[in-house]
C-alpha atoms as a PDB file:
ATOM      1  CA  CYS A   1      98.214  94.844  76.645  1.00  0.00           C
ATOM      2  CA  GLY A   2      98.048  95.939  72.998  1.00  0.00           C
ATOM      3  CA  LEU A   3     101.665  97.128  72.751  1.00  0.00           C
ATOM      4  CA  CYS A   4     102.318  94.858  69.772  1.00  0.00           C
ATOM      5  CA  LYS A   5      99.821  96.862  67.727  1.00  0.00           C
ATOM      6  CA  GLU A   6     101.197 100.150  69.032  1.00  0.00           C
ATOM      7  CA  ILE A   7     104.700  99.458  67.722  1.00  0.00           C
ATOM      8  CA  CYS A   8     103.543  97.805  64.473  1.00  0.00           C
ATOM      9  CA  PRO A   9     104.297 100.203  61.554  1.00  0.00           C
ATOM     10  CA  THR A  10     101.108  99.157  59.757  1.00  0.00           C
ATOM     11  CA  GLN A  11      98.933  98.869  62.886  1.00  0.00           C
ATOM     12  CA  ILE A  12      98.037  95.201  62.360  1.00  0.00           C
ATOM     13  CA  ASP A  13      95.506  94.274  65.040  1.00  0.00           C
ATOM     14  CA  MET A  14      97.563  91.537  66.681  1.00  0.00           C
ATOM     15  CA  PRO A  15      95.779  91.856  70.058  1.00  0.00           C
ATOM     16  CA  LEU A  16      92.475  90.839  68.469  1.00  0.00           C
ATOM     17  CA  GLY A  17      94.252  88.080  66.533  1.00  0.00           C
ATOM     18  CA  ILE A  18      95.701  86.716  69.776  1.00  0.00           C
ATOM     19  CA  ALA A  19      92.250  86.898  71.388  1.00  0.00           C
ATOM     20  CA  LYS A  20      90.795  84.855  68.524  1.00  0.00           C
ATOM     21  CA  VAL A  21      93.488  82.198  68.935  1.00  0.00           C
ATOM     22  CA  LYS A  22      92.707  82.051  72.654  1.00  0.00           C
ATOM     23  CA  HIS A  23      89.016  81.752  71.772  1.00  0.00           C
ATOM     24  CA  ARG A  24      89.638  78.732  69.537  1.00  0.00           C
ATOM     25  CA  ASP A  25      91.572  77.093  72.364  1.00  0.00           C
ATOM     26  CA  HIS A  26      88.805  78.053  74.809  1.00  0.00           C
ATOM     27  CA  GLN A  27      86.247  76.218  72.649  1.00  0.00           C
ATOM     28  CA  LYS A  28      88.285  72.991  72.796  1.00  0.00           C
ATOM     29  CA  ASN A  29      89.619  73.207  76.332  1.00  0.00           C
ATOM     30  CA  PRO A  30      87.505  74.513  79.225  1.00  0.00           C
ATOM     31  CA  PRO A  31      89.096  77.386  81.194  1.00  0.00           C
ATOM     32  CA  SER A  32      90.642  76.783  84.580  1.00  0.00           C
ATOM     33  CA  PHE A  33      88.518  77.450  87.655  1.00  0.00           C
ATOM     34  CA  THR A  34      90.660  80.510  88.419  1.00  0.00           C
ATOM     35  CA  ASN A  35      90.167  81.980  84.942  1.00  0.00           C
ATOM     36  CA  GLU A  36      86.443  81.277  85.104  1.00  0.00           C
ATOM     37  CA  LEU A  37      86.287  83.063  88.464  1.00  0.00           C
ATOM     38  CA  LEU A  38      88.206  86.079  87.166  1.00  0.00           C
ATOM     39  CA  MET A  39      85.894  86.334  84.167  1.00  0.00           C
ATOM     40  CA  ALA A  40      82.992  86.462  86.638  1.00  0.00           C
ATOM     41  CA  ALA A  41      84.443  89.534  88.382  1.00  0.00           C
ATOM     42  CA  GLU A  42      81.158  91.439  88.335  1.00  0.00           C
ATOM     43  CA  SER A  43      79.244  88.596  89.994  1.00  0.00           C
ATOM     44  CA  ALA A  44      81.941  88.375  92.660  1.00  0.00           C
ATOM     45  CA  ALA A  45      81.724  92.144  93.210  1.00  0.00           C
ATOM     46  CA  LYS A  46      77.943  91.953  93.647  1.00  0.00           C
ATOM     47  CA  LEU A  47      78.378  89.212  96.233  1.00  0.00           C
ATOM     48  CA  GLY A  48      81.111  91.177  97.995  1.00  0.00           C
ATOM     49  CA  CYS A  49      78.912  94.255  98.290  1.00  0.00           C
ATOM     50  CA  ALA A  50      75.883  92.262  99.415  1.00  0.00           C
ATOM     51  CA  THR A  51      77.877  90.660 102.241  1.00  0.00           C
ATOM     52  CA  ALA A  52      79.962  93.708 103.271  1.00  0.00           C
ATOM     53  CA  PRO A  53      81.455  94.387 105.787  1.00  0.00           C
ATOM     54  CA  PHE A  54      81.893  90.634 106.432  1.00  0.00           C
ATOM     55  CA  SER A  55      83.420  90.132 102.988  1.00  0.00           C
ATOM     56  CA  ASN A  56      86.029  92.817 103.724  1.00  0.00           C
ATOM     57  CA  ILE A  57      86.830  91.350 107.143  1.00  0.00           C
ATOM     58  CA  SER A  58      87.327  87.945 105.522  1.00  0.00           C
ATOM     59  CA  LEU A  59      89.598  89.332 102.798  1.00  0.00           C
ATOM     60  CA  GLY A  60      91.775  90.875 105.515  1.00  0.00           C
ATOM     61  CA  ASN A  61      92.085  87.613 107.451  1.00  0.00           C
ATOM     62  CA  ALA A  62      95.286  85.635 106.803  1.00  0.00           C
ATOM     63  CA  ALA A  63      93.728  82.224 107.418  1.00  0.00           C
ATOM     64  CA  PHE A  64      90.809  82.970 105.088  1.00  0.00           C
ATOM     65  CA  ARG A  65      93.155  84.214 102.373  1.00  0.00           C
ATOM     66  CA  TRP A  66      95.281  81.041 102.676  1.00  0.00           C
ATOM     67  CA  VAL A  67      92.188  78.893 102.141  1.00  0.00           C
ATOM     68  CA  MET A  68      90.993  81.208  99.379  1.00  0.00           C
ATOM     69  CA  GLU A  69      94.342  80.838  97.591  1.00  0.00           C
ATOM     70  CA  LYS A  70      94.130  77.041  97.724  1.00  0.00           C
ATOM     71  CA  VAL A  71      90.527  76.979  96.479  1.00  0.00           C
ATOM     72  CA  THR A  72      90.417  79.807  93.968  1.00  0.00           C
ATOM     73  CA  GLY A  73      94.044  80.347  92.927  1.00  0.00           C
ATOM     74  CA  ILE A  74      93.969  84.037  93.950  1.00  0.00           C
ATOM     75  CA  ASP A  75      97.286  84.904  95.594  1.00  0.00           C
ATOM     76  CA  ARG A  76      96.944  85.596  99.308  1.00  0.00           C
ATOM     77  CA  ARG A  77      99.645  88.285  99.121  1.00  0.00           C
ATOM     78  CA  ARG A  78      97.621  90.457  96.753  1.00  0.00           C
ATOM     79  CA  GLU A  79      95.714  93.213  98.509  1.00  0.00           C
ATOM     80  CA  MET A  80      92.064  93.156  97.474  1.00  0.00           C
ATOM     81  CA  PRO A  81      90.067  96.415  97.252  1.00  0.00           C
ATOM     82  CA  PRO A  82      87.265  96.559  99.828  1.00  0.00           C
ATOM     83  CA  PHE A  83      83.627  96.345  98.775  1.00  0.00           C
ATOM     84  CA  ALA A  84      81.131  99.101  99.470  1.00  0.00           C
ATOM     85  CA  ARG A  85      77.846  98.075 101.019  1.00  0.00           C
ATOM     86  CA  LYS A  86      76.097 100.891  99.142  1.00  0.00           C
ATOM     87  CA  THR A  87      77.099 101.009  95.491  1.00  0.00           C
ATOM     88  CA  LEU A  88      77.365 104.095  93.324  1.00  0.00           C
ATOM     89  CA  ARG A  89      74.090 103.219  91.639  1.00  0.00           C
ATOM     90  CA  LYS A  90      72.362 103.229  95.041  1.00  0.00           C
ATOM     91  CA  ARG A  91      74.015 106.493  96.118  1.00  0.00           C
ATOM     92  CA  TRP A  92      73.610 108.623  93.028  1.00  0.00           C
ATOM     93  CA  VAL A  93      70.791 111.164  93.015  1.00  0.00           C
ATOM     94  CA  SER A  94      71.033 114.023  90.549  1.00  0.00           C
ATOM     95  CA  GLN A  95      70.994 117.495  92.127  1.00  0.00           C
ATOM     96  CA  ILE A  96      71.296 119.686  89.054  1.00  0.00           C
ATOM     97  CA  ASP A  97      68.737 122.374  88.288  1.00  0.00           C
ATOM     98  CA  PRO A  98      67.146 121.408  84.926  1.00  0.00           C
ATOM     99  CA  ALA A  99      67.367 125.060  83.881  1.00  0.00           C
ATOM    100  CA  LYS A 100      71.186 124.919  84.158  1.00  0.00           C
ATOM    101  CA  VAL A 101      71.733 121.819  82.029  1.00  0.00           C
ATOM    102  CA  LYS A 102      74.238 122.419  79.208  1.00  0.00           C
ATOM    103  CA  ARG A 103      75.148 118.841  78.348  1.00  0.00           C
ATOM    104  CA  LYS A 104      73.823 115.357  79.001  1.00  0.00           C
ATOM    105  CA  VAL A 105      76.105 112.540  80.175  1.00  0.00           C
ATOM    106  CA  ALA A 106      75.472 108.799  80.363  1.00  0.00           C
ATOM    107  CA  PHE A 107      78.095 107.567  82.835  1.00  0.00           C
ATOM    108  CA  PHE A 108      79.626 104.120  82.350  1.00  0.00           C
ATOM    109  CA  HIS A 109      80.889 103.119  85.785  1.00  0.00           C
ATOM    110  CA  ASP A 110      82.094  99.536  85.107  1.00  0.00           C
ATOM    111  CA  ILE A 111      82.983  97.435  88.188  1.00  0.00           C
ATOM    112  CA  PHE A 112      85.468  99.295  90.403  1.00  0.00           C
ATOM    113  CA  VAL A 113      83.753 102.667  90.717  1.00  0.00           C
ATOM    114  CA  ASN A 114      80.356 101.086  91.303  1.00  0.00           C
ATOM    115  CA  TYR A 115      81.229  98.315  93.756  1.00  0.00           C
ATOM    116  CA  ASN A 116      84.587  99.252  95.304  1.00  0.00           C
ATOM    117  CA  ALA A 117      85.005 103.031  95.084  1.00  0.00           C
ATOM    118  CA  PRO A 118      81.602 104.730  94.935  1.00  0.00           C
ATOM    119  CA  GLU A 119      83.067 107.779  96.697  1.00  0.00           C
ATOM    120  CA  LEU A 120      85.354 108.281  93.702  1.00  0.00           C
ATOM    121  CA  GLY A 121      82.357 107.912  91.425  1.00  0.00           C
ATOM    122  CA  MET A 122      80.446 110.545  93.380  1.00  0.00           C
ATOM    123  CA  LYS A 123      83.363 112.982  93.071  1.00  0.00           C
ATOM    124  CA  ALA A 124      83.471 112.417  89.326  1.00  0.00           C
ATOM    125  CA  LEU A 125      79.743 112.892  88.854  1.00  0.00           C
ATOM    126  CA  ARG A 126      79.431 115.967  91.089  1.00  0.00           C
ATOM    127  CA  ARG A 127      82.213 117.669  89.109  1.00  0.00           C
ATOM    128  CA  LEU A 128      80.290 116.989  85.917  1.00  0.00           C
ATOM    129  CA  GLU A 129      77.138 118.400  87.471  1.00  0.00           C
ATOM    130  CA  ALA A 130      79.037 121.499  88.595  1.00  0.00           C
ATOM    131  CA  GLN A 131      79.827 122.126  84.922  1.00  0.00           C
ATOM    132  CA  GLY A 132      76.191 121.906  83.877  1.00  0.00           C
ATOM    133  CA  CYS A 133      75.926 118.223  82.981  1.00  0.00           C
ATOM    134  CA  GLU A 134      72.795 116.208  83.551  1.00  0.00           C
ATOM    135  CA  VAL A 135      74.175 112.796  84.573  1.00  0.00           C
ATOM    136  CA  VAL A 136      72.367 109.457  84.307  1.00  0.00           C
ATOM    137  CA  LEU A 137      73.558 105.913  85.014  1.00  0.00           C
ATOM    138  CA  PRO A 138      72.231 103.639  82.250  1.00  0.00           C
ATOM    139  CA  GLU A 139      71.578  99.968  82.884  1.00  0.00           C
ATOM    140  CA  GLN A 140      74.866  98.246  82.058  1.00  0.00           C
ATOM    141  CA  GLN A 141      77.053  95.216  82.481  1.00  0.00           C
ATOM    142  CA  ALA A 142      80.807  95.262  83.091  1.00  0.00           C
ATOM    143  CA  CYS A 143      82.686  96.119  79.899  1.00  0.00           C
ATOM    144  CA  GLY A 144      83.690  92.473  79.461  1.00  0.00           C
ATOM    145  CA  TYR A 145      87.414  92.796  78.819  1.00  0.00           C
ATOM    146  CA  PRO A 146      88.318  89.822  81.077  1.00  0.00           C
ATOM    147  CA  TYR A 147      86.387  87.625  78.643  1.00  0.00           C
ATOM    148  CA  ILE A 148      88.658  88.808  75.839  1.00  0.00           C
ATOM    149  CA  GLY A 149      91.774  88.371  77.964  1.00  0.00           C
ATOM    150  CA  TYR A 150      90.890  84.780  78.833  1.00  0.00           C
ATOM    151  CA  GLY A 151      89.596  83.832  75.395  1.00  0.00           C
ATOM    152  CA  ASP A 152      85.806  83.769  75.698  1.00  0.00           C
ATOM    153  CA  LEU A 153      84.788  85.974  72.786  1.00  0.00           C
ATOM    154  CA  ASP A 154      81.214  84.658  72.876  1.00  0.00           C
ATOM    155  CA  ARG A 155      80.578  86.165  76.308  1.00  0.00           C
ATOM    156  CA  ALA A 156      82.563  89.270  75.376  1.00  0.00           C
ATOM    157  CA  GLN A 157      80.275  89.741  72.397  1.00  0.00           C
ATOM    158  CA  ASN A 158      77.193  89.243  74.597  1.00  0.00           C
ATOM    159  CA  ALA A 159      78.435  91.961  76.981  1.00  0.00           C
ATOM    160  CA  ALA A 160      79.036  94.249  74.002  1.00  0.00           C
ATOM    161  CA  ILE A 161      75.537  93.616  72.641  1.00  0.00           C
ATOM    162  CA  TYR A 162      73.959  94.331  76.027  1.00  0.00           C
ATOM    163  CA  ASN A 163      75.868  97.562  76.625  1.00  0.00           C
ATOM    164  CA  VAL A 164      75.627  98.883  73.073  1.00  0.00           C
ATOM    165  CA  ARG A 165      71.873  98.370  73.011  1.00  0.00           C
ATOM    166  CA  ARG A 166      71.354 100.363  76.201  1.00  0.00           C
ATOM    167  CA  LEU A 167      73.944 103.064  75.613  1.00  0.00           C
ATOM    168  CA  ALA A 168      72.835 103.679  72.030  1.00  0.00           C
ATOM    169  CA  GLU A 169      69.386 104.680  73.322  1.00  0.00           C
ATOM    170  CA  TYR A 170      71.007 107.532  75.242  1.00  0.00           C
ATOM    171  CA  VAL A 171      73.301 108.526  72.384  1.00  0.00           C
ATOM    172  CA  ALA A 172      70.184 108.889  70.212  1.00  0.00           C
ATOM    173  CA  GLN A 173      68.831 111.353  72.800  1.00  0.00           C
ATOM    174  CA  GLY A 174      71.969 113.520  72.690  1.00  0.00           C
ATOM    175  CA  TYR A 175      73.905 112.054  75.615  1.00  0.00           C
ATOM    176  CA  ASP A 176      77.696 111.761  75.678  1.00  0.00           C
ATOM    177  CA  ILE A 177      79.156 108.603  77.226  1.00  0.00           C
ATOM    178  CA  VAL A 178      81.841 109.244  79.859  1.00  0.00           C
ATOM    179  CA  THR A 179      83.852 106.762  81.938  1.00  0.00           C
ATOM    180  CA  THR A 180      86.626 107.036  84.509  1.00  0.00           C
ATOM    181  CA  GLU A 181      88.025 103.563  83.784  1.00  0.00           C
ATOM    182  CA  PRO A 182      90.541 103.425  80.878  1.00  0.00           C
ATOM    183  CA  THR A 183      89.812  99.781  80.052  1.00  0.00           C
ATOM    184  CA  ALA A 184      86.097 100.530  79.811  1.00  0.00           C
ATOM    185  CA  ALA A 185      86.775 103.449  77.468  1.00  0.00           C
ATOM    186  CA  TYR A 186      89.007 101.185  75.376  1.00  0.00           C
ATOM    187  CA  CYS A 187      86.270  98.561  75.153  1.00  0.00           C
ATOM    188  CA  LEU A 188      83.544 101.006  74.164  1.00  0.00           C
ATOM    189  CA  ARG A 189      85.690 102.898  71.642  1.00  0.00           C
ATOM    190  CA  GLU A 190      88.064 100.316  70.230  1.00  0.00           C
ATOM    191  CA  THR A 191      86.829  96.784  70.938  1.00  0.00           C
ATOM    192  CA  TYR A 192      83.036  96.809  70.619  1.00  0.00           C
ATOM    193  CA  PRO A 193      83.032  97.910  66.948  1.00  0.00           C
ATOM    194  CA  LYS A 194      85.336  94.946  66.206  1.00  0.00           C
ATOM    195  CA  LEU A 195      83.219  92.474  68.175  1.00  0.00           C
ATOM    196  CA  LEU A 196      80.054  93.800  66.480  1.00  0.00           C
ATOM    197  CA  PRO A 197      81.240  94.811  62.982  1.00  0.00           C
ATOM    198  CA  LEU A 198      77.734  94.630  61.489  1.00  0.00           C
ATOM    199  CA  ASN A 199      76.059  96.594  64.282  1.00  0.00           C
ATOM    200  CA  PRO A 200      75.942 100.319  63.345  1.00  0.00           C
ATOM    201  CA  ARG A 201      75.047 101.258  66.922  1.00  0.00           C
ATOM    202  CA  ALA A 202      78.438 100.000  68.109  1.00  0.00           C
ATOM    203  CA  LYS A 203      80.112 102.696  66.005  1.00  0.00           C
ATOM    204  CA  LEU A 204      77.704 105.328  67.339  1.00  0.00           C
ATOM    205  CA  VAL A 205      78.534 104.344  70.936  1.00  0.00           C
ATOM    206  CA  ALA A 206      82.270 104.368  70.144  1.00  0.00           C
ATOM    207  CA  ALA A 207      82.092 107.862  68.646  1.00  0.00           C
ATOM    208  CA  ALA A 208      80.160 109.176  71.673  1.00  0.00           C
ATOM    209  CA  THR A 209      82.547 107.738  74.294  1.00  0.00           C
ATOM    210  CA  HIS A 210      84.971 110.014  76.161  1.00  0.00           C
ATOM    211  CA  GLU A 211      87.652 109.512  78.775  1.00  0.00           C
ATOM    212  CA  TYR A 212      86.712 111.366  81.940  1.00  0.00           C
ATOM    213  CA  PHE A 213      89.468 113.994  82.029  1.00  0.00           C
ATOM    214  CA  ALA A 214      89.342 114.689  78.301  1.00  0.00           C
ATOM    215  CA  TYR A 215      85.671 115.501  78.797  1.00  0.00           C
ATOM    216  CA  LEU A 216      86.194 117.435  82.037  1.00  0.00           C
ATOM    217  CA  MET A 217      88.991 119.573  80.603  1.00  0.00           C
ATOM    218  CA  ASP A 218      86.773 120.496  77.676  1.00  0.00           C
ATOM    219  CA  LEU A 219      84.117 121.621  80.161  1.00  0.00           C
ATOM    220  CA  GLU A 220      86.333 123.425  82.667  1.00  0.00           C
ATOM    221  CA  GLY A 221      88.868 125.026  80.354  1.00  0.00           C
ATOM    222  CA  GLU A 222      92.286 126.121  81.574  1.00  0.00           C
ATOM    223  CA  ALA A 223      91.211 127.919  84.765  1.00  0.00           C
ATOM    224  CA  GLY A 224      92.440 126.109  87.853  1.00  0.00           C
ATOM    225  CA  THR A 225      93.666 126.506  91.418  1.00  0.00           C
ATOM    226  CA  ASN A 226      96.972 126.373  93.309  1.00  0.00           C
ATOM    227  CA  THR A 227      95.783 123.477  95.473  1.00  0.00           C
ATOM    228  CA  LEU A 228      98.630 121.166  94.413  1.00  0.00           C
ATOM    229  CA  GLU A 229     101.406 123.751  94.251  1.00  0.00           C
ATOM    230  CA  GLY A 230     104.705 122.393  95.527  1.00  0.00           C
ATOM    231  CA  HIS A 231     103.746 118.750  94.964  1.00  0.00           C
ATOM    232  CA  THR A 232     105.394 116.461  92.420  1.00  0.00           C
ATOM    233  CA  TYR A 233     103.725 113.388  90.951  1.00  0.00           C
ATOM    234  CA  GLY A 234     104.563 110.530  88.610  1.00  0.00           C
ATOM    235  CA  PHE A 235     101.836 109.443  86.205  1.00  0.00           C
ATOM    236  CA  HIS A 236     101.231 105.875  85.085  1.00  0.00           C
ATOM    237  CA  CYS A 237      99.403 105.374  81.800  1.00  0.00           C
ATOM    238  CA  SER A 238      97.728 101.962  81.675  1.00  0.00           C
ATOM    239  CA  CYS A 239      98.104  99.837  78.546  1.00  0.00           C
ATOM    240  CA  HIS A 240      94.535 100.336  77.374  1.00  0.00           C
ATOM    241  CA  GLN A 241      94.840 104.074  77.846  1.00  0.00           C
ATOM    242  CA  ARG A 242      97.826 104.364  75.520  1.00  0.00           C
ATOM    243  CA  PRO A 243      95.840 104.347  72.250  1.00  0.00           C
ATOM    244  CA  LEU A 244      93.254 106.711  73.753  1.00  0.00           C
ATOM    245  CA  GLY A 245      95.588 109.631  74.469  1.00  0.00           C
ATOM    246  CA  MET A 246      98.273 108.518  76.971  1.00  0.00           C
ATOM    247  CA  GLY A 247      96.514 110.200  79.896  1.00  0.00           C
ATOM    248  CA  THR A 248      97.516 113.652  78.613  1.00  0.00           C
ATOM    249  CA  GLU A 249      94.319 115.335  79.789  1.00  0.00           C
ATOM    250  CA  ALA A 250      94.579 113.866  83.294  1.00  0.00           C
ATOM    251  CA  MET A 251      98.122 115.215  83.619  1.00  0.00           C
ATOM    252  CA  ASP A 252      97.018 118.604  82.277  1.00  0.00           C
ATOM    253  CA  TRP A 253      94.243 118.645  84.882  1.00  0.00           C
ATOM    254  CA  VAL A 254      96.789 118.078  87.682  1.00  0.00           C
ATOM    255  CA  ARG A 255      99.025 120.834  86.269  1.00  0.00           C
ATOM    256  CA  LYS A 256      96.226 123.370  86.090  1.00  0.00           C
ATOM    257  CA  HIS A 257      95.700 122.833  89.825  1.00  0.00           C
ATOM    258  CA  GLY A 258      99.353 123.695  90.478  1.00  0.00           C
ATOM    259  CA  GLY A 259     100.925 120.243  90.608  1.00  0.00           C
ATOM    260  CA  THR A 260     104.052 119.100  88.794  1.00  0.00           C
ATOM    261  CA  ILE A 261     103.538 115.771  87.036  1.00  0.00           C
ATOM    262  CA  GLU A 262     105.384 113.690  84.463  1.00  0.00           C
ATOM    263  CA  LEU A 263     104.726 110.423  82.660  1.00  0.00           C
ATOM    264  CA  ILE A 264     106.945 107.638  83.983  1.00  0.00           C
ATOM    265  CA  GLU A 265     107.107 104.447  81.947  1.00  0.00           C
ATOM    266  CA  THR A 266     109.349 101.630  80.804  1.00  0.00           C
ATOM    267  CA  GLY A 267     107.562 101.008  77.517  1.00  0.00           C
ATOM    268  CA  THR A 268     105.879  97.831  78.766  1.00  0.00           C
ATOM    269  CA  CYS A 269     102.855  96.791  80.812  1.00  0.00           C
ATOM    270  CA  CYS A 270     103.130  97.463  84.551  1.00  0.00           C
ATOM    271  CA  GLY A 271     102.766  93.703  84.999  1.00  0.00           C
ATOM    272  CA  MET A 272      99.257  93.533  86.448  1.00  0.00           C
ATOM    273  CA  ALA A 273      97.724  92.766  83.040  1.00  0.00           C
ATOM    274  CA  GLY A 274      94.143  93.231  84.172  1.00  0.00           C
ATOM    275  CA  THR A 275      93.317  90.437  86.599  1.00  0.00           C
ATOM    276  CA  PHE A 276      96.313  88.254  85.632  1.00  0.00           C
ATOM    277  CA  GLY A 277      98.363  89.663  88.511  1.00  0.00           C
ATOM    278  CA  LEU A 278      95.805  88.365  91.020  1.00  0.00           C
ATOM    279  CA  LYS A 279      96.705  84.741  90.285  1.00  0.00           C
ATOM    280  CA  HIS A 280      98.955  82.691  92.528  1.00  0.00           C
ATOM    281  CA  GLY A 281     102.257  81.288  91.341  1.00  0.00           C
ATOM    282  CA  PRO A 282     104.870  81.843  88.627  1.00  0.00           C
ATOM    283  CA  LEU A 283     102.240  82.546  85.948  1.00  0.00           C
ATOM    284  CA  GLY A 284     100.517  85.216  87.962  1.00  0.00           C
ATOM    285  CA  TYR A 285     101.659  87.215  90.982  1.00  0.00           C
ATOM    286  CA  ASP A 286     105.350  86.333  90.566  1.00  0.00           C
ATOM    287  CA  LEU A 287     105.500  87.193  86.858  1.00  0.00           C
ATOM    288  CA  ALA A 288     103.482  90.377  87.430  1.00  0.00           C
ATOM    289  CA  ASN A 289     106.079  91.583  89.934  1.00  0.00           C
ATOM    290  CA  ALA A 290     108.994  90.598  87.701  1.00  0.00           C
ATOM    291  CA  VAL A 291     107.549  92.565  84.785  1.00  0.00           C
ATOM    292  CA  GLY A 292     106.705  95.478  87.045  1.00  0.00           C
ATOM    293  CA  LYS A 293     110.039  95.798  88.855  1.00  0.00           C
ATOM    294  CA  PRO A 294     111.698  98.177  86.344  1.00  0.00           C
ATOM    295  CA  LEU A 295     108.670 100.461  86.597  1.00  0.00           C
ATOM    296  CA  PHE A 296     108.609 100.216  90.401  1.00  0.00           C
ATOM    297  CA  ASP A 297     112.275 101.210  90.443  1.00  0.00           C
ATOM    298  CA  ALA A 298     111.649 104.129  88.072  1.00  0.00           C
ATOM    299  CA  PHE A 299     108.965 105.584  90.339  1.00  0.00           C
ATOM    300  CA  GLN A 300     111.073 105.149  93.459  1.00  0.00           C
ATOM    301  CA  GLU A 301     114.096 106.789  91.843  1.00  0.00           C
ATOM    302  CA  LYS A 302     112.017 109.856  90.923  1.00  0.00           C
ATOM    303  CA  LYS A 303     111.068 110.361  94.592  1.00  0.00           C
ATOM    304  CA  VAL A 304     107.671 111.797  93.664  1.00  0.00           C
ATOM    305  CA  ASP A 305     105.089 112.586  96.327  1.00  0.00           C
ATOM    306  CA  ALA A 306     102.677 110.040  94.887  1.00  0.00           C
ATOM    307  CA  ILE A 307     101.921 107.865  91.870  1.00  0.00           C
ATOM    308  CA  VAL A 308      98.887 109.014  89.928  1.00  0.00           C
ATOM    309  CA  THR A 309      96.929 106.679  87.661  1.00  0.00           C
ATOM    310  CA  GLU A 310      93.369 106.346  86.379  1.00  0.00           C
ATOM    311  CA  SER A 311      93.492 102.540  86.238  1.00  0.00           C
ATOM    312  CA  SER A 312      91.983 100.705  89.198  1.00  0.00           C
ATOM    313  CA  VAL A 313      93.961  97.468  88.764  1.00  0.00           C
ATOM    314  CA  CYS A 314      97.262  99.169  87.929  1.00  0.00           C
ATOM    315  CA  SER A 315      96.848 101.233  91.087  1.00  0.00           C
ATOM    316  CA  ILE A 316      96.723  98.097  93.248  1.00  0.00           C
ATOM    317  CA  HIS A 317      99.867  96.674  91.648  1.00  0.00           C
ATOM    318  CA  LEU A 318     101.874  99.904  91.755  1.00  0.00           C
ATOM    319  CA  LYS A 319     101.013 100.583  95.384  1.00  0.00           C
ATOM    320  CA  GLU A 320     102.119  97.117  96.455  1.00  0.00           C
ATOM    321  CA  GLY A 321     105.196  97.026  94.237  1.00  0.00           C
ATOM    322  CA  THR A 322     106.569 100.417  95.269  1.00  0.00           C
ATOM    323  CA  GLY A 323     105.150 100.945  98.764  1.00  0.00           C
ATOM    324  CA  MET A 324     104.292 104.469  97.606  1.00  0.00           C
ATOM    325  CA  LYS A 325     101.071 106.425  97.845  1.00  0.00           C
ATOM    326  CA  THR A 326      99.065 105.694  94.696  1.00  0.00           C
ATOM    327  CA  VAL A 327      95.968 107.746  93.899  1.00  0.00           C
ATOM    328  CA  HIS A 328      93.414 108.645  91.274  1.00  0.00           C
ATOM    329  CA  PRO A 329      93.739 112.259  90.049  1.00  0.00           C
ATOM    330  CA  LEU A 330      90.363 113.191  91.560  1.00  0.00           C
ATOM    331  CA  ASP A 331      91.612 112.195  95.011  1.00  0.00           C
ATOM    332  CA  LEU A 332      94.287 114.913  94.866  1.00  0.00           C
ATOM    333  CA  VAL A 333      91.928 117.879  94.843  1.00  0.00           C
END
């Protein structure tokens, strides 16, 4: 989660050190089938989209989920986000008048927005277009953070090489890189330069990468609406978003549309820990809920209208753990 570096007075990069220790173990001991499956999240998402709606029907079937838990180690109690038959990449067609282009954006969609929530992706991209941005979707792989989490730094480095090579071509043409997924922004800005210390393009990509709402607020300014007036929200900042800005711009965006919002946290991870909270058993779903309970209680005690977060995986965990409405900021307006 990176909190050890956050509280370290001298900012020692313990998260990367831990990842390297995991990598050494990974080289000697093959990963479990469950870990290998979770590292292949993008391949699973492609399969899920290709077979939708049957994949979604299966994931909602109790008998199928019981068998799936026994075979894959993915807890049958964990709600899985549905797959979209038509991905964001297949849906997106630019509509901006070339004469009105003020900025150029290369959008990094990662897994969730492309395969599970293309409607959210379309909202994000149309708002950028409305502010005069020409938006393109570069060829890309998933950011690769599960590889780091489960100790396969070789494949993490390969993902970094692939994405840096393609994104750097757009940066050289004056494009800004924007993403709605905090973990993807963290990878592009913080992790890739460490995985590729001798690759100057990794630093160029990092410098050109922006969180979605930081970029949108810079475009839109302070003018807003009263759409959310009278509504109160609690904001969850995911672990990887903490070193990027704590979600300040997303909360400011909600406020400028009339909503009341405050950061609610316990100082620790929500418990989901990426894909860790998908696993069955004590070292997985059960531990994720135990870690998350103080945060669940904090949200429930505040009696907010909804939980707001930009993280796709945290959203799943918070919704299940609290029973409360949990949304992305763009879904409010």
